[in-house]
Amino acid sequence: MEWQPIETAPRDGRRVLLWLPGRGPEWGYWSVPTKDLVNREPCWNDGEHALSNPWSWPPPSHWLPVEPPPGAEFPGEGRSE
């Protein structure tokens, strides 16, 4: 697998491995964060908080697909909004 441009990442609630410039890899998916008091719009997040914001961290630049183990689901998967 090779890192793909973030523009090609799925935005359907599927968990992927994201590359955050200046921080490195982080699990995340596209949805509305559940506990972020600032960001209430769909964005790349870890299920609770946005993984980037305009005043501190740049958004993810790349992504890798990740498959859950057979018969398992990742927490939060499928909650796209």
C-alpha atoms as a PDB file:
ATOM      1  CA  MET A   1       0.000   0.000   0.000  1.00  0.00           C
ATOM      2  CA  GLU A   2       1.131   3.514  -0.738  1.00  0.00           C
ATOM      3  CA  TRP A   3       0.039   6.819   0.763  1.00  0.00           C
ATOM      4  CA  GLN A   4      -2.704   8.428  -1.335  1.00  0.00           C
ATOM      5  CA  PRO A   5      -3.542  12.159  -1.666  1.00  0.00           C
ATOM      6  CA  ILE A   6      -6.142  13.178   0.928  1.00  0.00           C
ATOM      7  CA  GLU A   7      -8.475  14.333  -1.859  1.00  0.00           C
ATOM      8  CA  THR A   8      -9.005  10.672  -2.793  1.00  0.00           C
ATOM      9  CA  ALA A   9      -9.860   9.487   0.755  1.00  0.00           C
ATOM     10  CA  PRO A  10     -13.338   8.061   1.427  1.00  0.00           C
ATOM     11  CA  ARG A  11     -15.734  10.398   3.228  1.00  0.00           C
ATOM     12  CA  ASP A  12     -18.266   7.734   4.135  1.00  0.00           C
ATOM     13  CA  GLY A  13     -17.307   7.107   7.773  1.00  0.00           C
ATOM     14  CA  ARG A  14     -14.715   4.450   6.959  1.00  0.00           C
ATOM     15  CA  ARG A  15     -11.682   4.552   9.300  1.00  0.00           C
ATOM     16  CA  VAL A  16      -8.351   5.213   7.571  1.00  0.00           C
ATOM     17  CA  LEU A  17      -4.794   6.018   8.571  1.00  0.00           C
ATOM     18  CA  LEU A  18      -4.172   9.728   7.996  1.00  0.00           C
ATOM     19  CA  TRP A  19      -0.863  11.576   7.622  1.00  0.00           C
ATOM     20  CA  LEU A  20      -0.878  14.873   9.533  1.00  0.00           C
ATOM     21  CA  PRO A  21       2.020  17.151   8.511  1.00  0.00           C
ATOM     22  CA  GLY A  22       4.155  18.008  11.527  1.00  0.00           C
ATOM     23  CA  ARG A  23       2.556  15.249  13.620  1.00  0.00           C
ATOM     24  CA  GLY A  24       2.706  11.976  11.713  1.00  0.00           C
ATOM     25  CA  PRO A  25       0.145   9.174  11.338  1.00  0.00           C
ATOM     26  CA  GLU A  26      -3.213   9.194  13.127  1.00  0.00           C
ATOM     27  CA  TRP A  27      -6.349   7.026  12.854  1.00  0.00           C
ATOM     28  CA  GLY A  28      -9.401   8.946  11.743  1.00  0.00           C
ATOM     29  CA  TYR A  29     -12.453   9.262   9.570  1.00  0.00           C
ATOM     30  CA  TRP A  30     -14.687  11.926   8.032  1.00  0.00           C
ATOM     31  CA  SER A  31     -17.656  12.909  10.217  1.00  0.00           C
ATOM     32  CA  VAL A  32     -18.804  15.468  12.768  1.00  0.00           C
ATOM     33  CA  PRO A  33     -16.635  15.185  15.917  1.00  0.00           C
ATOM     34  CA  THR A  34     -18.710  14.177  18.943  1.00  0.00           C
ATOM     35  CA  LYS A  35     -16.880  16.125  21.673  1.00  0.00           C
ATOM     36  CA  ASP A  36     -15.268  19.024  19.833  1.00  0.00           C
ATOM     37  CA  LEU A  37     -16.875  22.235  21.096  1.00  0.00           C
ATOM     38  CA  VAL A  38     -15.351  24.376  18.338  1.00  0.00           C
ATOM     39  CA  ASN A  39     -15.749  22.291  15.200  1.00  0.00           C
ATOM     40  CA  ARG A  40     -19.316  21.067  14.570  1.00  0.00           C
ATOM     41  CA  GLU A  41     -18.897  20.587  10.816  1.00  0.00           C
ATOM     42  CA  PRO A  42     -17.834  17.342   9.121  1.00  0.00           C
ATOM     43  CA  CYS A  43     -14.043  17.025   9.110  1.00  0.00           C
ATOM     44  CA  TRP A  44     -11.240  14.520   9.597  1.00  0.00           C
ATOM     45  CA  ASN A  45     -11.456  13.510  13.247  1.00  0.00           C
ATOM     46  CA  ASP A  46     -10.688  10.734  15.715  1.00  0.00           C
ATOM     47  CA  GLY A  47     -14.328  10.216  16.680  1.00  0.00           C
ATOM     48  CA  GLU A  48     -14.312  12.847  19.409  1.00  0.00           C
ATOM     49  CA  HIS A  49     -12.138  15.749  18.242  1.00  0.00           C
ATOM     50  CA  ALA A  50     -11.062  17.304  14.958  1.00  0.00           C
ATOM     51  CA  LEU A  51      -7.566  16.241  13.876  1.00  0.00           C
ATOM     52  CA  SER A  52      -6.728  19.712  12.561  1.00  0.00           C
ATOM     53  CA  ASN A  53      -7.870  23.263  13.050  1.00  0.00           C
ATOM     54  CA  PRO A  54      -7.110  26.535  11.307  1.00  0.00           C
ATOM     55  CA  TRP A  55      -5.129  28.045  14.179  1.00  0.00           C
ATOM     56  CA  SER A  56      -2.702  25.251  15.047  1.00  0.00           C
ATOM     57  CA  TRP A  57      -2.485  22.033  12.975  1.00  0.00           C
ATOM     58  CA  PRO A  58      -2.724  21.684   9.194  1.00  0.00           C
ATOM     59  CA  PRO A  59      -5.223  19.158   7.801  1.00  0.00           C
ATOM     60  CA  PRO A  60      -4.175  15.649   6.761  1.00  0.00           C
ATOM     61  CA  SER A  61      -2.277  15.523   3.484  1.00  0.00           C
ATOM     62  CA  HIS A  62      -2.389  11.763   2.735  1.00  0.00           C
ATOM     63  CA  TRP A  63      -4.156   8.574   3.745  1.00  0.00           C
ATOM     64  CA  LEU A  64      -3.855   4.770   3.713  1.00  0.00           C
ATOM     65  CA  PRO A  65      -6.773   2.313   3.608  1.00  0.00           C
ATOM     66  CA  VAL A  66      -7.118   0.071   6.646  1.00  0.00           C
ATOM     67  CA  GLU A  67      -9.112  -3.137   6.833  1.00  0.00           C
ATOM     68  CA  PRO A  68     -10.523  -4.340  10.170  1.00  0.00           C
ATOM     69  CA  PRO A  69      -9.795  -7.923  11.223  1.00  0.00           C
ATOM     70  CA  PRO A  70     -12.293 -10.534   9.945  1.00  0.00           C
ATOM     71  CA  GLY A  71     -15.636 -10.216  11.728  1.00  0.00           C
ATOM     72  CA  ALA A  72     -14.721  -6.936  13.461  1.00  0.00           C
ATOM     73  CA  GLU A  73     -15.605  -3.290  12.993  1.00  0.00           C
ATOM     74  CA  PHE A  74     -13.605  -0.251  13.974  1.00  0.00           C
ATOM     75  CA  PRO A  75     -15.228   1.894  16.695  1.00  0.00           C
ATOM     76  CA  GLY A  76     -17.165   4.757  15.161  1.00  0.00           C
ATOM     77  CA  GLU A  77     -17.097   3.374  11.658  1.00  0.00           C
ATOM     78  CA  GLY A  78     -20.063   4.280   9.527  1.00  0.00           C
ATOM     79  CA  ARG A  79     -21.055   7.468  11.338  1.00  0.00           C
ATOM     80  CA  SER A  80     -20.643   9.799   8.371  1.00  0.00           C
ATOM     81  CA  GLU A  81     -22.736  12.934   8.475  1.00  0.00           C
END
